[in-house]
Amino acid sequence: AMALVCHPAVLIADEPTTALDVTIQAQILELLARVQRELGMALLLITH
């Protein structure tokens, strides 16, 4: 929410699901995909 408050053109997500359990990971990824569609931003998703 802090990152999206200004409706950025680019969002950099650095390991956004690290240390979260599997069900919460899925919710966070679904959330990122949904707000990306709504705001039309580009997403740089950094992960291992």
All heavy atoms as atom14 arrays in JSON, in Angstrom:
{
  "sequence": "AMALVCHPAVLIADEPTTALDVTIQAQILELLARVQRELGMALLLITH",
  "atom14_mask": [
    [1, 1, 1, 1, 1, 0, 0, 0, 0, 0, 0, 0, 0, 0],
    [1, 1, 1, 1, 1, 1, 1, 1, 0, 0, 0, 0, 0, 0],
    [1, 1, 1, 1, 1, 0, 0, 0, 0, 0, 0, 0, 0, 0],
    [1, 1, 1, 1, 1, 1, 1, 1, 0, 0, 0, 0, 0, 0],
    [1, 1, 1, 1, 1, 1, 1, 0, 0, 0, 0, 0, 0, 0],
    [1, 1, 1, 1, 1, 1, 0, 0, 0, 0, 0, 0, 0, 0],
    [1, 1, 1, 1, 1, 1, 1, 1, 1, 1, 0, 0, 0, 0],
    [1, 1, 1, 1, 1, 1, 1, 0, 0, 0, 0, 0, 0, 0],
    [1, 1, 1, 1, 1, 0, 0, 0, 0, 0, 0, 0, 0, 0],
    [1, 1, 1, 1, 1, 1, 1, 0, 0, 0, 0, 0, 0, 0],
    [1, 1, 1, 1, 1, 1, 1, 1, 0, 0, 0, 0, 0, 0],
    [1, 1, 1, 1, 1, 1, 1, 1, 0, 0, 0, 0, 0, 0],
    [1, 1, 1, 1, 1, 0, 0, 0, 0, 0, 0, 0, 0, 0],
    [1, 1, 1, 1, 1, 1, 1, 1, 0, 0, 0, 0, 0, 0],
    [1, 1, 1, 1, 1, 1, 1, 1, 1, 0, 0, 0, 0, 0],
    [1, 1, 1, 1, 1, 1, 1, 0, 0, 0, 0, 0, 0, 0],
    [1, 1, 1, 1, 1, 1, 1, 0, 0, 0, 0, 0, 0, 0],
    [1, 1, 1, 1, 1, 1, 1, 0, 0, 0, 0, 0, 0, 0],
    [1, 1, 1, 1, 1, 0, 0, 0, 0, 0, 0, 0, 0, 0],
    [1, 1, 1, 1, 1, 1, 1, 1, 0, 0, 0, 0, 0, 0],
    [1, 1, 1, 1, 1, 1, 1, 1, 0, 0, 0, 0, 0, 0],
    [1, 1, 1, 1, 1, 1, 1, 0, 0, 0, 0, 0, 0, 0],
    [1, 1, 1, 1, 1, 1, 1, 0, 0, 0, 0, 0, 0, 0],
    [1, 1, 1, 1, 1, 1, 1, 1, 0, 0, 0, 0, 0, 0],
    [1, 1, 1, 1, 1, 1, 1, 1, 1, 0, 0, 0, 0, 0],
    [1, 1, 1, 1, 1, 0, 0, 0, 0, 0, 0, 0, 0, 0],
    [1, 1, 1, 1, 1, 1, 1, 1, 1, 0, 0, 0, 0, 0],
    [1, 1, 1, 1, 1, 1, 1, 1, 0, 0, 0, 0, 0, 0],
    [1, 1, 1, 1, 1, 1, 1, 1, 0, 0, 0, 0, 0, 0],
    [1, 1, 1, 1, 1, 1, 1, 1, 1, 0, 0, 0, 0, 0],
    [1, 1, 1, 1, 1, 1, 1, 1, 0, 0, 0, 0, 0, 0],
    [1, 1, 1, 1, 1, 1, 1, 1, 0, 0, 0, 0, 0, 0],
    [1, 1, 1, 1, 1, 0, 0, 0, 0, 0, 0, 0, 0, 0],
    [1, 1, 1, 1, 1, 1, 1, 1, 1, 1, 1, 0, 0, 0],
    [1, 1, 1, 1, 1, 1, 1, 0, 0, 0, 0, 0, 0, 0],
    [1, 1, 1, 1, 1, 1, 1, 1, 1, 0, 0, 0, 0, 0],
    [1, 1, 1, 1, 1, 1, 1, 1, 1, 1, 1, 0, 0, 0],
    [1, 1, 1, 1, 1, 1, 1, 1, 1, 0, 0, 0, 0, 0],
    [1, 1, 1, 1, 1, 1, 1, 1, 0, 0, 0, 0, 0, 0],
    [1, 1, 1, 1, 0, 0, 0, 0, 0, 0, 0, 0, 0, 0],
    [1, 1, 1, 1, 1, 1, 1, 1, 0, 0, 0, 0, 0, 0],
    [1, 1, 1, 1, 1, 0, 0, 0, 0, 0, 0, 0, 0, 0],
    [1, 1, 1, 1, 1, 1, 1, 1, 0, 0, 0, 0, 0, 0],
    [1, 1, 1, 1, 1, 1, 1, 1, 0, 0, 0, 0, 0, 0],
    [1, 1, 1, 1, 1, 1, 1, 1, 0, 0, 0, 0, 0, 0],
    [1, 1, 1, 1, 1, 1, 1, 1, 0, 0, 0, 0, 0, 0],
    [1, 1, 1, 1, 1, 1, 1, 0, 0, 0, 0, 0, 0, 0],
    [1, 1, 1, 1, 1, 1, 1, 1, 1, 1, 0, 0, 0, 0]
  ],
  "atom14_positions": [
    [[0.83, -1.21, 0.0], [0.0, 0.0, 0.0], [0.86, 1.26, 0.0], [0.57, 2.23, -0.71], [-0.93, -0.01, 1.22], [0.0, 0.0, 0.0], [0.0, 0.0, 0.0], [0.0, 0.0, 0.0], [0.0, 0.0, 0.0], [0.0, 0.0, 0.0], [0.0, 0.0, 0.0], [0.0, 0.0, 0.0], [0.0, 0.0, 0.0], [0.0, 0.0, 0.0]],
    [[1.95, 1.27, 0.78], [2.86, 2.41, 0.81], [3.47, 2.64, -0.57], [3.61, 3.78, -1.03], [3.98, 2.17, 1.83], [3.56, 2.26, 3.26], [4.92, 1.86, 4.39], [6.1, 3.13, 3.97], [0.0, 0.0, 0.0], [0.0, 0.0, 0.0], [0.0, 0.0, 0.0], [0.0, 0.0, 0.0], [0.0, 0.0, 0.0], [0.0, 0.0, 0.0]],
    [[3.84, 1.55, -1.24], [4.47, 1.67, -2.55], [3.5, 2.16, -3.61], [3.9, 2.84, -4.56], [5.07, 0.32, -2.96], [0.0, 0.0, 0.0], [0.0, 0.0, 0.0], [0.0, 0.0, 0.0], [0.0, 0.0, 0.0], [0.0, 0.0, 0.0], [0.0, 0.0, 0.0], [0.0, 0.0, 0.0], [0.0, 0.0, 0.0], [0.0, 0.0, 0.0]],
    [[2.21, 1.82, -3.45], [1.23, 2.12, -4.5], [0.5, 3.44, -4.28], [-0.27, 3.85, -5.16], [0.2, 0.98, -4.58], [0.73, -0.4, -4.97], [-0.42, -1.4, -4.96], [1.39, -0.37, -6.32], [0.0, 0.0, 0.0], [0.0, 0.0, 0.0], [0.0, 0.0, 0.0], [0.0, 0.0, 0.0], [0.0, 0.0, 0.0], [0.0, 0.0, 0.0]],
    [[0.7, 4.09, -3.16], [-0.13, 5.24, -2.82], [-0.04, 6.36, -3.85], [-1.0, 7.11, -4.05], [0.22, 5.75, -1.39], [1.61, 6.37, -1.34], [-0.82, 6.72, -0.9], [0.0, 0.0, 0.0], [0.0, 0.0, 0.0], [0.0, 0.0, 0.0], [0.0, 0.0, 0.0], [0.0, 0.0, 0.0], [0.0, 0.0, 0.0], [0.0, 0.0, 0.0]],
    [[1.09, 6.48, -4.54], [1.25, 7.53, -5.55], [1.01, 7.02, -6.98], [1.3, 7.72, -7.95], [2.65, 8.15, -5.45], [2.93, 9.05, -3.91], [0.0, 0.0, 0.0], [0.0, 0.0, 0.0], [0.0, 0.0, 0.0], [0.0, 0.0, 0.0], [0.0, 0.0, 0.0], [0.0, 0.0, 0.0], [0.0, 0.0, 0.0], [0.0, 0.0, 0.0]],
    [[0.49, 5.8, -7.09], [0.22, 5.18, -8.4], [1.46, 5.21, -9.3], [1.48, 5.88, -10.34], [-0.96, 5.87, -9.09], [-2.26, 5.71, -8.36], [-3.43, 6.28, -8.79], [-2.57, 5.04, -7.21], [-4.41, 5.98, -7.95], [-3.89, 5.23, -6.98], [0.0, 0.0, 0.0], [0.0, 0.0, 0.0], [0.0, 0.0, 0.0], [0.0, 0.0, 0.0]],
    [[2.51, 4.5, -8.93], [3.77, 4.56, -9.68], [3.66, 3.92, -11.05], [2.8, 3.06, -11.3], [4.74, 3.78, -8.78], [3.86, 2.8, -8.06], [2.59, 3.55, -7.8], [0.0, 0.0, 0.0], [0.0, 0.0, 0.0], [0.0, 0.0, 0.0], [0.0, 0.0, 0.0], [0.0, 0.0, 0.0], [0.0, 0.0, 0.0], [0.0, 0.0, 0.0]],
    [[4.57, 4.31, -11.94], [4.66, 3.68, -13.26], [5.4, 2.36, -13.17], [5.16, 1.45, -13.97], [5.36, 4.61, -14.24], [0.0, 0.0, 0.0], [0.0, 0.0, 0.0], [0.0, 0.0, 0.0], [0.0, 0.0, 0.0], [0.0, 0.0, 0.0], [0.0, 0.0, 0.0], [0.0, 0.0, 0.0], [0.0, 0.0, 0.0], [0.0, 0.0, 0.0]],
    [[6.32, 2.24, -12.2], [7.12, 1.02, -12.01], [7.1, 0.65, -10.53], [7.34, 1.5, -9.67], [8.58, 1.22, -12.48], [9.44, 0.01, -12.1], [8.63, 1.45, -13.99], [0.0, 0.0, 0.0], [0.0, 0.0, 0.0], [0.0, 0.0, 0.0], [0.0, 0.0, 0.0], [0.0, 0.0, 0.0], [0.0, 0.0, 0.0], [0.0, 0.0, 0.0]],
    [[6.82, -0.62, -10.25], [6.92, -1.14, -8.9], [8.01, -2.21, -8.88], [7.97, -3.17, -9.66], [5.6, -1.75, -8.44], [5.61, -2.41, -7.05], [5.86, -1.36, -5.97], [4.31, -3.16, -6.78], [0.0, 0.0, 0.0], [0.0, 0.0, 0.0], [0.0, 0.0, 0.0], [0.0, 0.0, 0.0], [0.0, 0.0, 0.0], [0.0, 0.0, 0.0]],
    [[8.99, -2.05, -7.99], [10.04, -3.04, -7.79], [9.68, -3.83, -6.53], [9.59, -3.25, -5.44], [11.42, -2.38, -7.63], [11.75, -1.53, -8.87], [12.5, -3.43, -7.41], [13.01, -0.69, -8.71], [0.0, 0.0, 0.0], [0.0, 0.0, 0.0], [0.0, 0.0, 0.0], [0.0, 0.0, 0.0], [0.0, 0.0, 0.0], [0.0, 0.0, 0.0]],
    [[9.46, -5.13, -6.68], [9.11, -5.99, -5.55], [10.27, -6.94, -5.31], [10.49, -7.86, -6.09], [7.82, -6.75, -5.84], [0.0, 0.0, 0.0], [0.0, 0.0, 0.0], [0.0, 0.0, 0.0], [0.0, 0.0, 0.0], [0.0, 0.0, 0.0], [0.0, 0.0, 0.0], [0.0, 0.0, 0.0], [0.0, 0.0, 0.0], [0.0, 0.0, 0.0]],
    [[11.0, -6.71, -4.22], [12.18, -7.51, -3.9], [11.79, -8.62, -2.93], [11.56, -8.37, -1.75], [13.26, -6.62, -3.3], [14.58, -7.36, -3.08], [14.69, -8.52, -3.52], [15.49, -6.78, -2.46], [0.0, 0.0, 0.0], [0.0, 0.0, 0.0], [0.0, 0.0, 0.0], [0.0, 0.0, 0.0], [0.0, 0.0, 0.0], [0.0, 0.0, 0.0]],
    [[11.72, -9.85, -3.43], [11.35, -11.01, -2.63], [10.09, -10.72, -1.8], [10.1, -10.84, -0.56], [12.5, -11.41, -1.7], [13.8, -11.75, -2.41], [13.83, -13.18, -2.96], [12.78, -13.84, -2.96], [14.91, -13.61, -3.4], [0.0, 0.0, 0.0], [0.0, 0.0, 0.0], [0.0, 0.0, 0.0], [0.0, 0.0, 0.0], [0.0, 0.0, 0.0]],
    [[8.97, -10.36, -2.44], [7.8, -9.93, -1.67], [7.12, -11.03, -0.88], [6.3, -10.75, -0.01], [6.85, -9.39, -2.76], [7.22, -10.16, -3.99], [8.71, -10.35, -3.89], [0.0, 0.0, 0.0], [0.0, 0.0, 0.0], [0.0, 0.0, 0.0], [0.0, 0.0, 0.0], [0.0, 0.0, 0.0], [0.0, 0.0, 0.0], [0.0, 0.0, 0.0]],
    [[7.47, -12.31, -1.16], [6.8, -13.41, -0.45], [7.75, -14.18, 0.48], [7.37, -15.2, 1.03], [6.19, -14.4, -1.46], [7.22, -14.93, -2.31], [5.15, -13.71, -2.33], [0.0, 0.0, 0.0], [0.0, 0.0, 0.0], [0.0, 0.0, 0.0], [0.0, 0.0, 0.0], [0.0, 0.0, 0.0], [0.0, 0.0, 0.0], [0.0, 0.0, 0.0]],
    [[8.97, -13.69, 0.64], [9.92, -14.37, 1.53], [9.39, -14.37, 2.97], [8.83, -13.39, 3.44], [11.28, -13.66, 1.49], [11.8, -13.79, 0.18], [12.27, -14.3, 2.46], [0.0, 0.0, 0.0], [0.0, 0.0, 0.0], [0.0, 0.0, 0.0], [0.0, 0.0, 0.0], [0.0, 0.0, 0.0], [0.0, 0.0, 0.0], [0.0, 0.0, 0.0]],
    [[9.58, -15.5, 3.66], [9.22, -15.67, 5.07], [7.71, -15.71, 5.31], [7.27, -15.66, 6.46], [9.84, -14.57, 5.94], [0.0, 0.0, 0.0], [0.0, 0.0, 0.0], [0.0, 0.0, 0.0], [0.0, 0.0, 0.0], [0.0, 0.0, 0.0], [0.0, 0.0, 0.0], [0.0, 0.0, 0.0], [0.0, 0.0, 0.0], [0.0, 0.0, 0.0]],
    [[6.92, -15.8, 4.23], [5.48, -15.95, 4.39], [5.09, -17.39, 4.09], [5.71, -18.05, 3.25], [4.73, -15.0, 3.44], [5.0, -13.5, 3.61], [4.24, -12.72, 2.55], [4.61, -13.03, 5.0], [0.0, 0.0, 0.0], [0.0, 0.0, 0.0], [0.0, 0.0, 0.0], [0.0, 0.0, 0.0], [0.0, 0.0, 0.0], [0.0, 0.0, 0.0]],
    [[4.04, -17.88, 4.75], [3.64, -19.24, 4.46], [2.99, -19.31, 3.08], [2.66, -18.29, 2.47], [2.71, -19.8, 5.55], [1.38, -19.06, 5.63], [0.66, -19.04, 4.62], [1.07, -18.51, 6.69], [0.0, 0.0, 0.0], [0.0, 0.0, 0.0], [0.0, 0.0, 0.0], [0.0, 0.0, 0.0], [0.0, 0.0, 0.0], [0.0, 0.0, 0.0]],
    [[2.8, -20.52, 2.58], [2.43, -20.72, 1.18], [1.11, -20.05, 0.83], [0.98, -19.42, -0.23], [2.38, -22.23, 0.86], [1.89, -22.45, -0.57], [3.76, -22.86, 1.02], [0.0, 0.0, 0.0], [0.0, 0.0, 0.0], [0.0, 0.0, 0.0], [0.0, 0.0, 0.0], [0.0, 0.0, 0.0], [0.0, 0.0, 0.0], [0.0, 0.0, 0.0]],
    [[0.12, -20.16, 1.7], [-1.18, -19.56, 1.37], [-1.09, -18.04, 1.32], [-1.71, -17.4, 0.46], [-2.24, -19.98, 2.41], [-1.78, -19.64, 3.72], [-2.47, -21.48, 2.34], [0.0, 0.0, 0.0], [0.0, 0.0, 0.0], [0.0, 0.0, 0.0], [0.0, 0.0, 0.0], [0.0, 0.0, 0.0], [0.0, 0.0, 0.0], [0.0, 0.0, 0.0]],
    [[-0.3, -17.44, 2.24], [-0.14, -15.99, 2.23], [0.67, -15.56, 1.0], [0.39, -14.52, 0.39], [0.54, -15.5, 3.53], [-0.29, -15.92, 4.74], [0.7, -13.99, 3.5], [-1.71, -15.37, 4.74], [0.0, 0.0, 0.0], [0.0, 0.0, 0.0], [0.0, 0.0, 0.0], [0.0, 0.0, 0.0], [0.0, 0.0, 0.0], [0.0, 0.0, 0.0]],
    [[1.68, -16.35, 0.61], [2.43, -16.06, -0.61], [1.5, -15.94, -1.8], [1.6, -15.0, -2.59], [3.46, -17.16, -0.88], [4.66, -17.16, 0.03], [5.67, -18.23, -0.36], [5.66, -18.71, -1.48], [6.51, -18.63, 0.58], [0.0, 0.0, 0.0], [0.0, 0.0, 0.0], [0.0, 0.0, 0.0], [0.0, 0.0, 0.0], [0.0, 0.0, 0.0]],
    [[0.6, -16.9, -1.93], [-0.33, -16.89, -3.07], [-1.22, -15.65, -3.03], [-1.5, -15.03, -4.07], [-1.17, -18.15, -3.05], [0.0, 0.0, 0.0], [0.0, 0.0, 0.0], [0.0, 0.0, 0.0], [0.0, 0.0, 0.0], [0.0, 0.0, 0.0], [0.0, 0.0, 0.0], [0.0, 0.0, 0.0], [0.0, 0.0, 0.0], [0.0, 0.0, 0.0]],
    [[-1.65, -15.24, -1.83], [-2.5, -14.06, -1.71], [-1.74, -12.8, -2.11], [-2.29, -11.92, -2.79], [-3.0, -13.93, -0.27], [-3.99, -15.01, 0.15], [-4.32, -14.93, 1.63], [-4.04, -13.93, 2.29], [-4.91, -15.99, 2.16], [0.0, 0.0, 0.0], [0.0, 0.0, 0.0], [0.0, 0.0, 0.0], [0.0, 0.0, 0.0], [0.0, 0.0, 0.0]],
    [[-0.47, -12.69, -1.7], [0.34, -11.51, -2.03], [0.57, -11.43, -3.53], [0.46, -10.35, -4.14], [1.68, -11.54, -1.27], [1.45, -11.4, 0.25], [2.61, -10.43, -1.78], [0.8, -10.1, 0.66], [0.0, 0.0, 0.0], [0.0, 0.0, 0.0], [0.0, 0.0, 0.0], [0.0, 0.0, 0.0], [0.0, 0.0, 0.0], [0.0, 0.0, 0.0]],
    [[0.88, -12.56, -4.17], [1.11, -12.56, -5.62], [-0.17, -12.23, -6.37], [-0.14, -11.49, -7.37], [1.65, -13.93, -6.06], [3.06, -14.27, -5.57], [3.41, -15.71, -5.9], [4.09, -13.32, -6.18], [0.0, 0.0, 0.0], [0.0, 0.0, 0.0], [0.0, 0.0, 0.0], [0.0, 0.0, 0.0], [0.0, 0.0, 0.0], [0.0, 0.0, 0.0]],
    [[-1.29, -12.76, -5.9], [-2.57, -12.43, -6.53], [-2.89, -10.94, -6.36], [-3.39, -10.28, -7.27], [-3.67, -13.29, -5.89], [-5.04, -13.09, -6.53], [-6.12, -13.95, -5.86], [-5.75, -14.89, -5.11], [-7.3, -13.68, -6.1], [0.0, 0.0, 0.0], [0.0, 0.0, 0.0], [0.0, 0.0, 0.0], [0.0, 0.0, 0.0], [0.0, 0.0, 0.0]],
    [[-2.56, -10.41, -5.18], [-2.77, -8.98, -4.92], [-1.93, -8.14, -5.87], [-2.43, -7.17, -6.47], [-2.4, -8.67, -3.47], [-2.24, -7.2, -3.09], [-3.54, -6.46, -3.27], [-1.74, -7.07, -1.66], [0.0, 0.0, 0.0], [0.0, 0.0, 0.0], [0.0, 0.0, 0.0], [0.0, 0.0, 0.0], [0.0, 0.0, 0.0], [0.0, 0.0, 0.0]],
    [[-0.65, -8.46, -6.03], [0.22, -7.7, -6.93], [-0.32, -7.74, -8.35], [-0.33, -6.71, -9.06], [1.64, -8.27, -6.89], [2.46, -7.94, -5.64], [3.77, -8.72, -5.64], [2.74, -6.44, -5.55], [0.0, 0.0, 0.0], [0.0, 0.0, 0.0], [0.0, 0.0, 0.0], [0.0, 0.0, 0.0], [0.0, 0.0, 0.0], [0.0, 0.0, 0.0]],
    [[-0.77, -8.91, -8.81], [-1.3, -9.03, -10.17], [-2.57, -8.18, -10.33], [-2.77, -7.52, -11.36], [-1.6, -10.49, -10.49], [0.0, 0.0, 0.0], [0.0, 0.0, 0.0], [0.0, 0.0, 0.0], [0.0, 0.0, 0.0], [0.0, 0.0, 0.0], [0.0, 0.0, 0.0], [0.0, 0.0, 0.0], [0.0, 0.0, 0.0], [0.0, 0.0, 0.0]],
    [[-3.42, -8.17, -9.31], [-4.68, -7.42, -9.41], [-4.43, -5.92, -9.44], [-4.97, -5.2, -10.31], [-5.59, -7.78, -8.23], [-6.89, -6.97, -8.2], [-7.86, -7.54, -7.17], [-7.3, -7.55, -5.83], [-7.25, -6.47, -5.03], [-7.7, -5.3, -5.46], [-6.74, -6.58, -3.82], [0.0, 0.0, 0.0], [0.0, 0.0, 0.0], [0.0, 0.0, 0.0]],
    [[-3.6, -5.41, -8.53], [-3.37, -3.97, -8.51], [-2.56, -3.53, -9.74], [-2.72, -2.4, -10.22], [-2.66, -3.52, -7.22], [-3.54, -3.78, -6.02], [-1.31, -4.18, -7.05], [0.0, 0.0, 0.0], [0.0, 0.0, 0.0], [0.0, 0.0, 0.0], [0.0, 0.0, 0.0], [0.0, 0.0, 0.0], [0.0, 0.0, 0.0], [0.0, 0.0, 0.0]],
    [[-1.74, -4.43, -10.28], [-1.03, -4.1, -11.51], [-2.02, -3.89, -12.65], [-1.89, -2.94, -13.44], [-0.04, -5.2, -11.87], [0.76, -4.89, -13.13], [1.64, -6.05, -13.55], [1.39, -7.21, -13.19], [2.67, -5.77, -14.32], [0.0, 0.0, 0.0], [0.0, 0.0, 0.0], [0.0, 0.0, 0.0], [0.0, 0.0, 0.0], [0.0, 0.0, 0.0]],
    [[-3.02, -4.76, -12.73], [-4.03, -4.6, -13.78], [-4.83, -3.32, -13.57], [-5.11, -2.58, -14.53], [-4.98, -5.8, -13.77], [-4.37, -7.1, -14.29], [-5.45, -8.15, -14.53], [-6.22, -8.44, -13.33], [-5.91, -9.39, -12.46], [-4.83, -10.14, -12.67], [-6.67, -9.62, -11.39], [0.0, 0.0, 0.0], [0.0, 0.0, 0.0], [0.0, 0.0, 0.0]],
    [[-5.17, -3.03, -12.33], [-6.0, -1.86, -12.04], [-5.26, -0.55, -12.28], [-5.85, 0.43, -12.75], [-6.51, -1.92, -10.6], [-7.51, -3.05, -10.36], [-7.98, -3.1, -8.92], [-7.66, -2.17, -8.15], [-8.65, -4.1, -8.56], [0.0, 0.0, 0.0], [0.0, 0.0, 0.0], [0.0, 0.0, 0.0], [0.0, 0.0, 0.0], [0.0, 0.0, 0.0]],
    [[-3.96, -0.52, -11.96], [-3.18, 0.71, -12.07], [-2.38, 0.8, -13.36], [-1.85, 1.86, -13.69], [-2.25, 0.86, -10.86], [-2.91, 0.88, -9.48], [-1.86, 1.02, -8.39], [-3.94, 1.98, -9.38], [0.0, 0.0, 0.0], [0.0, 0.0, 0.0], [0.0, 0.0, 0.0], [0.0, 0.0, 0.0], [0.0, 0.0, 0.0], [0.0, 0.0, 0.0]],
    [[-2.23, -0.33, -14.08], [-1.5, -0.33, -15.35], [0.0, -0.12, -15.21], [0.65, 0.37, -16.13], [0.0, 0.0, 0.0], [0.0, 0.0, 0.0], [0.0, 0.0, 0.0], [0.0, 0.0, 0.0], [0.0, 0.0, 0.0], [0.0, 0.0, 0.0], [0.0, 0.0, 0.0], [0.0, 0.0, 0.0], [0.0, 0.0, 0.0], [0.0, 0.0, 0.0]],
    [[0.56, -0.5, -14.07], [1.99, -0.26, -13.85], [2.81, -1.44, -14.34], [2.31, -2.54, -14.58], [2.26, -0.04, -12.36], [1.99, -1.25, -11.53], [2.12, -0.95, -9.76], [1.76, -2.6, -9.14], [0.0, 0.0, 0.0], [0.0, 0.0, 0.0], [0.0, 0.0, 0.0], [0.0, 0.0, 0.0], [0.0, 0.0, 0.0], [0.0, 0.0, 0.0]],
    [[4.11, -1.21, -14.49], [5.07, -2.27, -14.8], [5.61, -2.8, -13.48], [5.8, -2.05, -12.52], [6.2, -1.74, -15.67], [0.0, 0.0, 0.0], [0.0, 0.0, 0.0], [0.0, 0.0, 0.0], [0.0, 0.0, 0.0], [0.0, 0.0, 0.0], [0.0, 0.0, 0.0], [0.0, 0.0, 0.0], [0.0, 0.0, 0.0], [0.0, 0.0, 0.0]],
    [[5.87, -4.12, -13.43], [6.31, -4.76, -12.19], [7.64, -5.47, -12.42], [7.75, -6.3, -13.33], [5.26, -5.75, -11.72], [5.6, -6.62, -10.49], [5.84, -5.74, -9.27], [4.48, -7.61, -10.22], [0.0, 0.0, 0.0], [0.0, 0.0, 0.0], [0.0, 0.0, 0.0], [0.0, 0.0, 0.0], [0.0, 0.0, 0.0], [0.0, 0.0, 0.0]],
    [[8.63, -5.13, -11.61], [9.92, -5.82, -11.61], [9.91, -6.74, -10.39], [10.01, -6.29, -9.25], [11.06, -4.8, -11.52], [12.48, -5.31, -11.81], [12.59, -5.79, -13.24], [13.5, -4.21, -11.55], [0.0, 0.0, 0.0], [0.0, 0.0, 0.0], [0.0, 0.0, 0.0], [0.0, 0.0, 0.0], [0.0, 0.0, 0.0], [0.0, 0.0, 0.0]],
    [[9.75, -8.03, -10.63], [9.57, -9.02, -9.56], [10.87, -9.77, -9.33], [11.3, -10.57, -10.16], [8.45, -9.98, -9.96], [8.07, -11.08, -8.96], [7.58, -10.45, -7.63], [6.99, -11.99, -9.54], [0.0, 0.0, 0.0], [0.0, 0.0, 0.0], [0.0, 0.0, 0.0], [0.0, 0.0, 0.0], [0.0, 0.0, 0.0], [0.0, 0.0, 0.0]],
    [[11.51, -9.51, -8.2], [12.82, -10.09, -7.88], [12.61, -11.26, -6.92], [11.99, -11.09, -5.86], [13.74, -9.03, -7.26], [13.95, -7.89, -8.26], [15.07, -9.63, -6.84], [14.6, -6.68, -7.66], [0.0, 0.0, 0.0], [0.0, 0.0, 0.0], [0.0, 0.0, 0.0], [0.0, 0.0, 0.0], [0.0, 0.0, 0.0], [0.0, 0.0, 0.0]],
    [[13.12, -12.43, -7.26], [12.89, -13.61, -6.45], [13.94, -14.68, -6.73], [14.62, -14.64, -7.75], [11.48, -14.18, -6.72], [11.25, -15.33, -5.9], [11.32, -14.57, -8.18], [0.0, 0.0, 0.0], [0.0, 0.0, 0.0], [0.0, 0.0, 0.0], [0.0, 0.0, 0.0], [0.0, 0.0, 0.0], [0.0, 0.0, 0.0], [0.0, 0.0, 0.0]],
    [[14.07, -15.62, -5.8], [14.89, -16.8, -6.04], [14.01, -18.0, -6.37], [14.51, -19.09, -6.64], [15.74, -17.13, -4.79], [14.89, -17.48, -3.6], [14.37, -16.53, -2.76], [14.47, -18.68, -3.14], [13.66, -17.13, -1.81], [13.7, -18.44, -2.03], [0.0, 0.0, 0.0], [0.0, 0.0, 0.0], [0.0, 0.0, 0.0], [0.0, 0.0, 0.0]]
  ]
}
